[in-house]
Every structure is written in C-alpha cells, then in structure tokens.
Amino acid sequence: MKSTASPRTTGRVPAWVWAGLLVLHAAALGWQLHHQQPLFPDSGRYVEAARNLQTSGVLYAEPLPAAPLRVQEYSIRPPGYPVLLLLTGGTRAATSLPIATLLLQNVLSLINLGMVLRWLAQRGLSRRQWALVLLLVSTAPAQVIYANVVMSEVLLQTTIVLLWAALVAFWQPARPTRYFAGAALAAAAALLIKPVFFPAAALMLGLGMVVGWQQRRPVLTFWGAVPLLVALLWMGRNEARTGYFHFSSIAEINLLRYNTRGVLQATEGPAVAERFVRSTVAASQHLPTFREQQHYIQRASVAALRRHPVAYAAQHLRGVISFFLDPGRFDLVYFLGLPDTAGMGLLQQLNEHGYRAILGYIPQLPAGLVAGLLLVLLANGARLILALRFLLRRNAGSPARWLLVVIIGYVALLTGPLGASRFAVPVLPLLLAAAGAGLQGRANSPAELRR
C-alpha cells in the first residue's frame, strides 16, 4: 500500500524543499559564472594572504615584495580562509574565476542549511510550514551571495553550525565525549577563520571545566581547553612575526576606524572624527615597536569612547539591530554589479545623522533595488519575530533552543557597531532554524498535519 505519511510524520526534509535550495544556489552560481566578479572590497587581503602563503610561505595580506612592510598585515587575517583558497585554487581569483572555491562554498552552504532543516524535520512541520521555511530561505539573498564570492562567511558558517549541532548532540542523555570534542574542534576552527570567535575560546574552556567537574570527566576539560591552546599558539606565531603577542590586528583597526570614528562622527562631527583618526595613526607611527603602536591606539580610542558612553551604547545597540534587520544593500550592489549611486555607505550616514539619514538615503537608490531591499527587510523582520517566538516560548527549555540563543547572541553582541547583513551570514542557518521552529504553535493540530 502506498504511504500517505506527511513530511511531518516521516521526519525528513521534503524533496521539493531540497529542489528549491538547489535552484537558489544554481541561479546565484550561474550569475557569477556570467558576471565573473567574485571579489568584494575585502576579498583582496584573503587572496594576497593565500598567494603569499603559496609563493613565500608567509601569511601576509598585501602584495610582496613590499617596501616598507606593514606589520599589521602579518596578523590581520587568520589562516583558515587563505588556506582554503590555497587548496582550491583561489589564489588566482584576481585574474580568473575560482570555480573550485565557489563550488565548495555552495556545497558547504547546502550542507549548513541541510543540517538545520533536518533538525526542523525532527520537530515535525506541515507542508505549509515547509513552504514558509523555503520562503524564509529564498528571501535571505546573503546566503547564496556569500557562497559565490571570495569571502570567508560561509566557511565560518560551517564551523558555527557544526559547533551548534555537536553541542546539541552532546546534551542528549548519553552525552558522548566525542560530540564535545567535535564542538571544541569546531570552535577552534572558527577562531582561525574570523577573530570574532577568539573570545569563545575562554567560553569553551569554562564550559569544559564546569561540565567536566559535574560529570567527573576530566577529559571534557581537556577538550574545552583546545580552542584556547590553538589561540595561544597563533598569538605566539604573531608575536614571532610582529613582536606583539596578540591574535589579530583587526581589533585595533575596528576600534579606531569604526567604533571610535562612528561615535565621534555622531557627537563631535565628521571633521573632528577624521582628524582624531589621522592624528592617532600619525602619533602611533612615531613609536618604535608595533606593540607600542597598537597599545597607543587602544588607549587613545578607549579614552575617546569614555567621553561619550551613552553615544557608544546607542551605536552598539544600533549595530545589533542592524545585524538582524539590515537588508544588505552592499551585498546586492556588489554581487549584481549595480552602480553604487548612493555615495557613502548607510553605516556612515547613520553614524553622522542617525536613523533620519535613511529618509534622505533611500531616494538615491534605484527603484528596483529599493523594492528588493524592502522585501528582504520585511523578511528579516519576519524571521526575527518568528525566532523570538520560539526562543522566548515557555516550557521549551531544550538545549538546542538555549544554544541558539547563546551562539546567535554572542555573534551579534561581538559584532556590535559593525552590525550588517554580511556579519549575520555565519549564523543565518541558526536564525532560520529558530524561525522555522517559531512557525509552530505549542502543537500542530491533526488537520494541519494533513495539509
């Protein structure tokens, strides 16, 4: 007899959902094959780091030979993504399309989405709910955009989804050690791809110590220490190259050129902000060592931020909101090859003029782009509301739910004032998982199961 089981009762992702995901990725890859512009403004340093690693055996993010050498370029990019480019032929991205790199990233994107969809399938969704999940994925263009450009977001996304899945598996009643080990290795890989996961090394150590003590399993503490050990080894490598024991020079760059500049633009004006950045950099360059230069930038930036704590708090909050809601004008303009008629970016306009800047900003954009951005913005809002519906639901204290809260919240808070569509890509599948779970009520009715 032919089975009439619904997708909810089979616990499988419907074939037509997979077909939809394949069409989305194929369309984006087809566009890239036609357009052949895989480089975003930040791609160059990844490509140069990979090329220098291949030709000179050194991770340096600008062309070599260079005179003078810029010490910050030795540590501005962790090794994870340059190594992937090296292994997949991405070092030639400036002159030819890195097909193997883009194919791998598309496969990783499908795997990442598949992992969270399998989790949703175990929860049980009706056909209508699966259709809405596919719609939520389709209206998140950043997922397929970053799968088809030379950027590290999808690779980082893979490590984050693996981290979440491993911890969810570990928190089942049996709690096998191998799942915690997998989570620790995923966290270690994540921090070698993006510095935002550097502080997570301490969190993993703390988790390993607490759970290891509770369960009398010291091996969990050992695995919890692995990300911190990896981070310390990389910091030692950076000290050997630069004379400064640190994880990435991007921390000081973001602190001065984005966080401090943004606060000063909002409080003292763009001219003052620009003078402060220039004078701070100039003064630091008179110091004899890279370590002293970076410490000077830290002290000067923190002192400036302390003058305006309320403005910084507002900027950080605005960044977190943008992290979840930004429709990704930057992503669409560069990926589709559209003319950037808006001049300065919206982030700079927000820093200088606040949210009222949006009213003057939108008319500068093409009407078709505005319509597309509005659609994505509405979808982002719907995803966020549905995710909050699930995450704040009473009597739903599953480990998966709290891990979603912690991991998504961690990335959003650490990104802070830089919050934008691009920075949400690494946790986008987790947001989709929470939103998909939020489509369900407390329980689906028998009538809905038959839909």
Protein backbone atom coordinates (compact mmCIF):
# COMPACT_ATOMS: atom_id res chain seq x y z
CA MET A 1 0.00 0.00 0.00
CA LYS A 2 1.36 3.47 -0.89
CA SER A 3 2.35 5.51 2.13
CA THR A 4 0.42 8.72 2.75
CA ALA A 5 2.65 9.93 5.56
CA SER A 6 3.12 13.70 5.61
CA PRO A 7 6.55 15.34 5.77
CA ARG A 8 5.92 15.90 9.47
CA THR A 9 5.45 12.25 10.29
CA THR A 10 8.36 10.99 8.16
CA GLY A 11 10.88 13.28 9.87
CA ARG A 12 12.54 14.03 6.52
CA VAL A 13 13.08 17.25 4.62
CA PRO A 14 10.73 17.18 1.61
CA ALA A 15 12.39 16.64 -1.76
CA TRP A 16 10.79 19.78 -3.15
CA VAL A 17 12.44 21.87 -0.42
CA TRP A 18 15.82 20.45 -1.43
CA ALA A 19 14.98 21.21 -5.05
CA GLY A 20 14.22 24.81 -4.13
CA LEU A 21 17.55 25.19 -2.32
CA LEU A 22 19.41 23.72 -5.31
CA VAL A 23 17.67 26.14 -7.69
CA LEU A 24 18.59 29.13 -5.50
CA HIS A 25 22.27 28.14 -5.35
CA ALA A 26 22.41 27.22 -9.05
CA ALA A 27 20.91 30.59 -10.01
CA ALA A 28 23.45 32.51 -7.92
CA LEU A 29 26.35 30.41 -9.21
CA GLY A 30 25.09 30.85 -12.79
CA TRP A 31 25.02 34.61 -12.30
CA GLN A 32 28.60 34.53 -11.02
CA LEU A 33 29.72 32.40 -13.97
CA HIS A 34 28.21 35.02 -16.27
CA HIS A 35 29.27 38.10 -14.33
CA GLN A 36 32.72 36.76 -13.29
CA GLN A 37 33.37 39.21 -10.48
CA PRO A 38 33.96 37.09 -7.36
CA LEU A 39 35.87 39.78 -5.43
CA PHE A 40 34.26 42.03 -2.85
CA PRO A 41 36.17 45.03 -1.43
CA ASP A 42 37.51 42.91 1.46
CA SER A 43 38.44 39.90 -0.70
CA GLY A 44 41.84 41.20 -1.74
CA ARG A 45 43.56 40.59 1.57
CA TYR A 46 42.37 36.97 1.63
CA VAL A 47 43.70 36.40 -1.89
CA GLU A 48 47.04 38.10 -1.20
CA ALA A 49 47.46 36.17 2.07
CA ALA A 50 46.82 32.89 0.23
CA ARG A 51 49.15 33.84 -2.64
CA ASN A 52 51.97 34.86 -0.29
CA LEU A 53 51.49 31.66 1.66
CA GLN A 54 51.88 29.73 -1.59
CA THR A 55 54.85 31.62 -3.02
CA SER A 56 56.74 32.83 0.06
CA GLY A 57 55.48 30.62 2.87
CA VAL A 58 54.29 33.64 4.85
CA LEU A 59 50.79 34.81 5.71
CA TYR A 60 50.97 38.49 4.71
CA ALA A 61 47.83 40.19 3.41
CA GLU A 62 49.31 42.63 0.88
CA PRO A 63 51.44 42.09 -2.25
CA LEU A 64 55.04 41.01 -1.76
CA PRO A 65 57.70 42.25 -2.12
CA ALA A 66 56.59 45.42 -0.37
CA ALA A 67 58.60 48.37 0.89
CA PRO A 68 58.08 49.22 3.61
CA LEU A 69 56.36 46.18 5.13
CA ARG A 70 53.19 46.97 7.07
CA VAL A 71 53.46 44.89 10.22
CA GLN A 72 49.68 44.75 10.78
CA GLU A 73 49.29 42.73 7.57
CA TYR A 74 51.00 39.72 9.17
CA SER A 75 48.09 39.20 11.56
CA ILE A 76 45.11 40.99 10.04
CA ARG A 77 43.76 37.74 8.54
CA PRO A 78 43.75 34.42 10.44
CA PRO A 79 44.93 31.46 8.35
CA GLY A 80 41.69 29.49 7.90
CA TYR A 81 40.23 31.05 4.75
CA PRO A 82 43.57 31.76 2.99
CA VAL A 83 44.41 28.06 3.42
CA LEU A 84 41.10 27.10 1.83
CA LEU A 85 41.85 29.44 -1.11
CA LEU A 86 45.29 27.89 -1.44
CA LEU A 87 43.84 24.38 -1.54
CA THR A 88 41.08 25.22 -4.05
CA GLY A 89 42.91 27.48 -6.49
CA GLY A 90 41.51 30.71 -5.09
CA THR A 91 44.92 32.39 -5.28
CA ARG A 92 44.10 33.17 -8.92
CA ALA A 93 40.81 34.88 -8.07
CA ALA A 94 42.12 38.28 -9.21
CA THR A 95 42.65 37.01 -12.76
CA SER A 96 40.27 34.06 -13.20
CA LEU A 97 37.09 32.72 -11.62
CA PRO A 98 37.95 30.30 -8.76
CA ILE A 99 35.43 27.63 -9.78
CA ALA A 100 36.56 25.02 -7.24
CA THR A 101 36.35 27.53 -4.38
CA LEU A 102 32.84 28.64 -5.32
CA LEU A 103 31.62 25.06 -5.88
CA LEU A 104 32.92 24.05 -2.45
CA GLN A 105 31.27 27.06 -0.81
CA ASN A 106 27.95 26.23 -2.46
CA VAL A 107 28.23 22.65 -1.20
CA LEU A 108 29.03 23.91 2.30
CA SER A 109 26.06 26.29 2.16
CA LEU A 110 23.72 23.44 1.23
CA ILE A 111 25.17 21.25 3.99
CA ASN A 112 24.74 24.02 6.56
CA LEU A 113 21.12 24.61 5.57
CA GLY A 114 20.51 20.86 5.39
CA MET A 115 21.71 20.36 8.97
CA VAL A 116 19.27 22.88 10.42
CA LEU A 117 16.45 21.66 8.15
CA ARG A 118 17.00 18.10 9.41
CA TRP A 119 16.63 19.43 12.94
CA LEU A 120 13.37 21.11 11.91
CA ALA A 121 12.22 17.86 10.29
CA GLN A 122 12.70 16.08 13.61
CA ARG A 123 10.45 18.65 15.25
CA GLY A 124 7.83 17.99 12.59
CA LEU A 125 6.48 20.54 10.10
CA SER A 126 3.43 20.53 7.91
CA ARG A 127 3.62 21.15 4.15
CA ARG A 128 2.51 24.73 4.64
CA GLN A 129 5.20 25.29 7.24
CA TRP A 130 7.85 23.79 4.95
CA ALA A 131 6.72 26.17 2.21
CA LEU A 132 7.15 29.09 4.59
CA VAL A 133 10.61 27.85 5.59
CA LEU A 134 11.63 27.76 1.93
CA LEU A 135 10.27 31.28 1.53
CA LEU A 136 12.33 32.44 4.52
CA VAL A 137 15.46 30.97 2.91
CA SER A 138 14.63 32.45 -0.50
CA THR A 139 14.30 35.95 0.95
CA ALA A 140 17.77 35.80 2.56
CA PRO A 141 19.91 36.51 -0.53
CA ALA A 142 23.09 36.95 1.52
CA GLN A 143 23.25 33.15 1.94
CA VAL A 144 23.74 32.46 -1.76
CA ILE A 145 25.64 35.69 -2.43
CA TYR A 146 28.42 34.83 0.01
CA ALA A 147 28.51 31.25 -1.26
CA ASN A 148 29.53 32.69 -4.62
CA VAL A 149 32.17 35.28 -3.75
CA VAL A 150 35.67 35.08 -2.30
CA MET A 151 34.75 35.78 1.32
CA SER A 152 35.07 33.67 4.47
CA GLU A 153 31.47 33.93 5.73
CA VAL A 154 30.19 30.54 4.52
CA LEU A 155 33.27 28.69 5.77
CA LEU A 156 32.81 30.29 9.19
CA GLN A 157 29.11 29.44 8.98
CA THR A 158 30.02 25.76 8.57
CA THR A 159 32.07 25.73 11.76
CA ILE A 160 29.31 27.52 13.69
CA VAL A 161 26.59 25.12 12.54
CA LEU A 162 28.86 22.18 13.41
CA LEU A 163 29.52 23.73 16.84
CA TRP A 164 25.80 24.06 17.49
CA ALA A 165 24.95 20.59 16.19
CA ALA A 166 27.75 18.96 18.21
CA LEU A 167 26.68 20.66 21.43
CA VAL A 168 23.04 19.73 20.81
CA ALA A 169 24.10 16.10 20.32
CA PHE A 170 26.29 16.23 23.42
CA TRP A 171 23.38 17.45 25.55
CA GLN A 172 21.35 14.35 24.84
CA PRO A 173 21.02 11.99 27.85
CA ALA A 174 24.06 9.85 26.93
CA ARG A 175 26.37 12.86 26.45
CA PRO A 176 29.13 11.09 24.46
CA THR A 177 32.54 12.74 24.79
CA ARG A 178 33.11 12.68 21.02
CA TYR A 179 30.40 15.31 20.50
CA PHE A 180 32.02 17.71 22.96
CA ALA A 181 35.34 17.08 21.26
CA GLY A 182 33.70 17.91 17.93
CA ALA A 183 32.32 21.15 19.37
CA ALA A 184 35.77 22.12 20.69
CA LEU A 185 37.40 21.46 17.32
CA ALA A 186 34.67 23.46 15.55
CA ALA A 187 35.24 26.40 17.91
CA ALA A 188 39.00 26.19 17.29
CA ALA A 189 38.43 26.19 13.54
CA ALA A 190 36.04 29.16 13.83
CA LEU A 191 38.58 31.37 15.58
CA LEU A 192 41.15 30.54 12.89
CA ILE A 193 38.70 31.84 10.29
CA LYS A 194 37.39 35.01 11.98
CA PRO A 195 38.75 36.84 15.05
CA VAL A 196 35.18 37.30 16.35
CA PHE A 197 35.42 33.77 17.75
CA PHE A 198 38.65 34.42 19.66
CA PRO A 199 36.79 35.18 22.95
CA ALA A 200 34.79 31.96 22.50
CA ALA A 201 37.96 30.04 23.38
CA ALA A 202 37.59 31.13 27.01
CA LEU A 203 33.88 30.24 26.96
CA MET A 204 34.64 26.72 25.72
CA LEU A 205 37.25 26.27 28.43
CA GLY A 206 34.77 27.41 31.08
CA LEU A 207 32.10 25.07 29.73
CA GLY A 208 34.53 22.15 29.64
CA MET A 209 35.59 22.79 33.23
CA VAL A 210 32.03 23.07 34.55
CA VAL A 211 30.64 20.05 32.71
CA GLY A 212 33.80 18.02 33.34
CA TRP A 213 33.55 18.70 37.08
CA GLN A 214 29.82 17.97 37.18
CA GLN A 215 30.21 14.65 35.37
CA ARG A 216 33.62 13.75 36.84
CA ARG A 217 35.08 13.52 33.34
CA PRO A 218 38.38 15.47 33.22
CA VAL A 219 38.67 14.69 29.51
CA LEU A 220 35.93 17.27 28.88
CA THR A 221 38.12 19.95 30.46
CA PHE A 222 40.94 18.87 28.16
CA TRP A 223 38.76 19.24 25.08
CA GLY A 224 37.41 22.55 26.35
CA ALA A 225 40.98 23.86 26.51
CA VAL A 226 41.74 23.00 22.86
CA PRO A 227 40.39 26.28 21.34
CA LEU A 228 42.34 28.35 23.87
CA LEU A 229 45.51 26.36 23.14
CA VAL A 230 45.05 26.94 19.40
CA ALA A 231 44.50 30.66 20.02
CA LEU A 232 47.64 30.92 22.18
CA LEU A 233 49.72 29.13 19.54
CA TRP A 234 48.51 31.56 16.87
CA MET A 235 49.23 34.51 19.16
CA GLY A 236 52.73 33.13 19.63
CA ARG A 237 53.16 32.99 15.86
CA ASN A 238 52.02 36.61 15.61
CA GLU A 239 54.47 37.66 18.32
CA ALA A 240 57.28 35.98 16.40
CA ARG A 241 56.32 37.97 13.27
CA THR A 242 55.42 41.32 14.84
CA GLY A 243 56.93 41.45 18.34
CA TYR A 244 53.42 41.80 19.80
CA PHE A 245 51.56 38.95 21.49
CA HIS A 246 48.07 39.35 20.03
CA PHE A 247 45.51 37.45 18.00
CA SER A 248 44.67 39.85 15.15
CA SER A 249 45.48 43.45 14.30
CA ILE A 250 41.89 43.87 13.07
CA ALA A 251 40.87 44.52 16.69
CA GLU A 252 42.68 47.86 16.84
CA ILE A 253 41.61 48.76 13.31
CA ASN A 254 37.94 48.23 14.15
CA LEU A 255 38.29 50.01 17.49
CA LEU A 256 39.78 53.15 15.95
CA ARG A 257 38.43 53.36 12.41
CA TYR A 258 34.89 52.16 13.03
CA ASN A 259 33.86 52.23 16.69
CA THR A 260 35.65 55.41 17.79
CA ARG A 261 35.22 57.20 14.47
CA GLY A 262 31.49 56.40 14.48
CA VAL A 263 30.98 57.77 18.00
CA LEU A 264 32.95 60.94 17.25
CA GLN A 265 31.03 61.47 13.99
CA ALA A 266 27.77 61.35 15.95
CA THR A 267 28.91 63.54 18.86
CA GLU A 268 31.61 65.94 17.63
CA GLY A 269 31.14 65.88 13.87
CA PRO A 270 32.76 64.17 10.86
CA ALA A 271 35.67 66.63 10.66
CA VAL A 272 36.67 66.05 14.28
CA ALA A 273 36.35 62.29 13.86
CA GLU A 274 38.58 62.28 10.78
CA ARG A 275 41.22 64.47 12.47
CA PHE A 276 41.25 62.18 15.50
CA VAL A 277 41.80 59.05 13.40
CA ARG A 278 44.56 60.66 11.34
CA SER A 279 46.36 62.17 14.34
CA THR A 280 46.14 58.93 16.33
CA VAL A 281 47.61 56.89 13.49
CA ALA A 282 50.33 59.51 12.87
CA ALA A 283 51.28 59.67 16.56
CA SER A 284 51.42 55.88 16.85
CA GLN A 285 53.80 55.62 13.91
CA HIS A 286 56.42 57.60 15.81
CA LEU A 287 56.65 54.84 18.41
CA PRO A 288 59.47 52.31 17.88
CA THR A 289 57.61 48.98 18.09
CA PHE A 290 54.38 47.57 16.72
CA ARG A 291 53.36 46.60 20.26
CA GLU A 292 53.68 50.18 21.48
CA GLN A 293 51.83 51.47 18.43
CA GLN A 294 48.88 49.17 19.00
CA HIS A 295 48.75 49.95 22.72
CA TYR A 296 48.75 53.68 21.93
CA ILE A 297 45.82 53.24 19.52
CA GLN A 298 43.96 51.26 22.18
CA ARG A 299 44.49 53.89 24.89
CA ALA A 300 43.58 56.83 22.66
CA SER A 301 40.45 55.12 21.32
CA VAL A 302 39.20 53.97 24.71
CA ALA A 303 39.76 57.44 26.15
CA ALA A 304 37.66 58.95 23.34
CA LEU A 305 34.88 56.39 23.84
CA ARG A 306 34.82 57.06 27.59
CA ARG A 307 33.94 60.68 26.85
CA HIS A 308 30.74 59.52 25.15
CA PRO A 309 29.50 56.32 26.87
CA VAL A 310 25.84 56.92 26.01
CA ALA A 311 26.64 57.57 22.35
CA TYR A 312 28.71 54.39 22.21
CA ALA A 313 25.94 52.35 23.84
CA ALA A 314 23.47 53.73 21.29
CA GLN A 315 25.86 52.92 18.44
CA HIS A 316 26.35 49.38 19.74
CA LEU A 317 22.60 48.85 20.08
CA ARG A 318 22.01 50.21 16.58
CA GLY A 319 24.63 47.79 15.29
CA VAL A 320 22.91 44.83 16.94
CA ILE A 321 19.57 45.88 15.42
CA SER A 322 21.20 46.25 12.01
CA PHE A 323 22.78 42.81 12.45
CA PHE A 324 19.31 41.26 12.38
CA LEU A 325 17.46 43.64 10.04
CA ASP A 326 19.94 45.05 7.50
CA PRO A 327 18.66 44.01 4.04
CA GLY A 328 22.16 44.05 2.54
CA ARG A 329 22.38 46.90 0.03
CA PHE A 330 26.16 46.45 -0.06
CA ASP A 331 25.83 42.72 -0.82
CA LEU A 332 23.32 43.15 -3.63
CA VAL A 333 25.06 46.12 -5.27
CA TYR A 334 28.43 44.39 -5.49
CA PHE A 335 27.14 40.94 -6.37
CA LEU A 336 24.78 42.15 -9.10
CA GLY A 337 27.26 44.72 -10.39
CA LEU A 338 24.87 47.64 -9.88
CA PRO A 339 26.10 51.25 -9.91
CA ASP A 340 26.67 52.49 -6.37
CA THR A 341 24.80 55.77 -6.75
CA ALA A 342 24.34 56.35 -3.03
CA GLY A 343 27.89 57.55 -2.37
CA MET A 344 28.91 56.91 1.24
CA GLY A 345 27.51 53.80 2.92
CA LEU A 346 24.44 53.78 5.11
CA LEU A 347 26.55 52.91 8.19
CA GLN A 348 28.48 56.19 7.86
CA GLN A 349 25.26 58.12 7.28
CA LEU A 350 23.69 56.54 10.37
CA ASN A 351 26.74 57.44 12.46
CA GLU A 352 26.62 61.05 11.29
CA HIS A 353 22.88 61.70 11.17
CA GLY A 354 21.08 58.83 12.95
CA TYR A 355 18.07 56.97 11.58
CA ARG A 356 16.71 60.11 9.90
CA ALA A 357 19.52 59.59 7.37
CA ILE A 358 17.51 56.73 5.89
CA LEU A 359 14.87 59.16 4.60
CA GLY A 360 17.45 61.02 2.53
CA TYR A 361 19.34 57.86 1.60
CA ILE A 362 16.58 55.78 0.02
CA PRO A 363 15.72 58.24 -2.82
CA GLN A 364 19.33 57.96 -4.04
CA LEU A 365 18.87 54.25 -4.83
CA PRO A 366 17.33 52.72 -7.99
CA ALA A 367 13.63 51.93 -7.57
CA GLY A 368 14.10 48.22 -8.32
CA LEU A 369 16.83 47.93 -5.70
CA VAL A 370 14.66 49.72 -3.15
CA ALA A 371 11.81 47.27 -3.80
CA GLY A 372 14.14 44.30 -3.39
CA LEU A 373 15.66 45.70 -0.20
CA LEU A 374 12.21 46.37 1.23
CA LEU A 375 11.21 42.75 0.57
CA VAL A 376 14.35 41.46 2.29
CA LEU A 377 13.84 43.87 5.19
CA LEU A 378 10.29 42.58 5.73
CA ALA A 379 11.56 39.00 5.56
CA ASN A 380 14.32 39.81 8.06
CA GLY A 381 11.70 41.22 10.41
CA ALA A 382 9.52 38.14 9.99
CA ARG A 383 12.49 35.83 10.66
CA LEU A 384 13.38 37.76 13.79
CA ILE A 385 9.80 37.74 15.13
CA LEU A 386 9.40 34.02 14.46
CA ALA A 387 12.79 33.28 16.03
CA LEU A 388 11.88 35.27 19.14
CA ARG A 389 8.55 33.46 19.26
CA PHE A 390 10.39 30.18 19.55
CA LEU A 391 13.30 31.34 21.71
CA LEU A 392 11.04 33.07 24.26
CA ARG A 393 8.43 30.31 24.37
CA ARG A 394 7.61 28.98 27.82
CA ASN A 395 8.28 25.36 28.71
CA ALA A 396 10.63 24.91 25.76
CA GLY A 397 13.89 24.56 27.63
CA SER A 398 15.60 22.25 25.15
CA PRO A 399 19.40 22.52 24.83
CA ALA A 400 19.01 23.35 21.12
CA ARG A 401 16.95 26.43 21.96
CA TRP A 402 19.36 27.82 24.52
CA LEU A 403 22.34 27.09 22.32
CA LEU A 404 20.67 29.06 19.53
CA VAL A 405 20.24 31.99 21.93
CA VAL A 406 23.85 31.86 23.12
CA ILE A 407 25.54 31.44 19.72
CA ILE A 408 23.41 33.95 17.81
CA GLY A 409 23.56 36.43 20.70
CA TYR A 410 27.33 36.02 21.02
CA VAL A 411 27.99 36.85 17.36
CA ALA A 412 25.51 39.76 17.35
CA LEU A 413 26.95 41.33 20.52
CA LEU A 414 30.59 40.84 19.50
CA THR A 415 29.91 42.35 16.07
CA GLY A 416 28.36 45.37 17.80
CA PRO A 417 28.58 48.69 15.92
CA LEU A 418 29.64 46.94 12.71
CA GLY A 419 26.36 45.02 12.52
CA ALA A 420 25.24 44.43 8.93
CA SER A 421 23.83 41.71 6.70
CA ARG A 422 27.28 40.29 5.92
CA PHE A 423 28.11 39.71 9.58
CA ALA A 424 24.87 37.83 10.18
CA VAL A 425 25.62 35.26 7.45
CA PRO A 426 27.66 32.98 9.76
CA VAL A 427 24.60 32.45 12.00
CA LEU A 428 21.93 32.74 9.31
CA PRO A 429 21.10 28.99 9.27
CA LEU A 430 20.64 29.12 13.05
CA LEU A 431 18.30 32.10 12.66
CA LEU A 432 16.38 30.13 10.03
CA ALA A 433 16.20 27.14 12.41
CA ALA A 434 14.75 29.30 15.18
CA ALA A 435 12.33 30.99 12.77
CA GLY A 436 11.20 27.64 11.36
CA ALA A 437 10.56 26.35 14.86
CA GLY A 438 8.67 29.57 15.57
CA LEU A 439 6.20 28.70 12.80
CA GLN A 440 4.84 26.00 15.07
CA GLY A 441 2.40 26.59 17.85
CA ARG A 442 2.50 24.51 21.00
CA ALA A 443 1.34 21.58 18.94
CA ASN A 444 0.15 21.11 15.39
CA SER A 445 -3.45 20.06 15.03
CA PRO A 446 -4.41 16.82 13.21
CA ALA A 447 -5.97 18.92 10.45
CA GLU A 448 -2.73 20.78 9.89
CA LEU A 449 -0.75 17.56 9.71
CA ARG A 450 -2.82 16.53 6.68
CA ARG A 451 -2.02 19.74 4.78
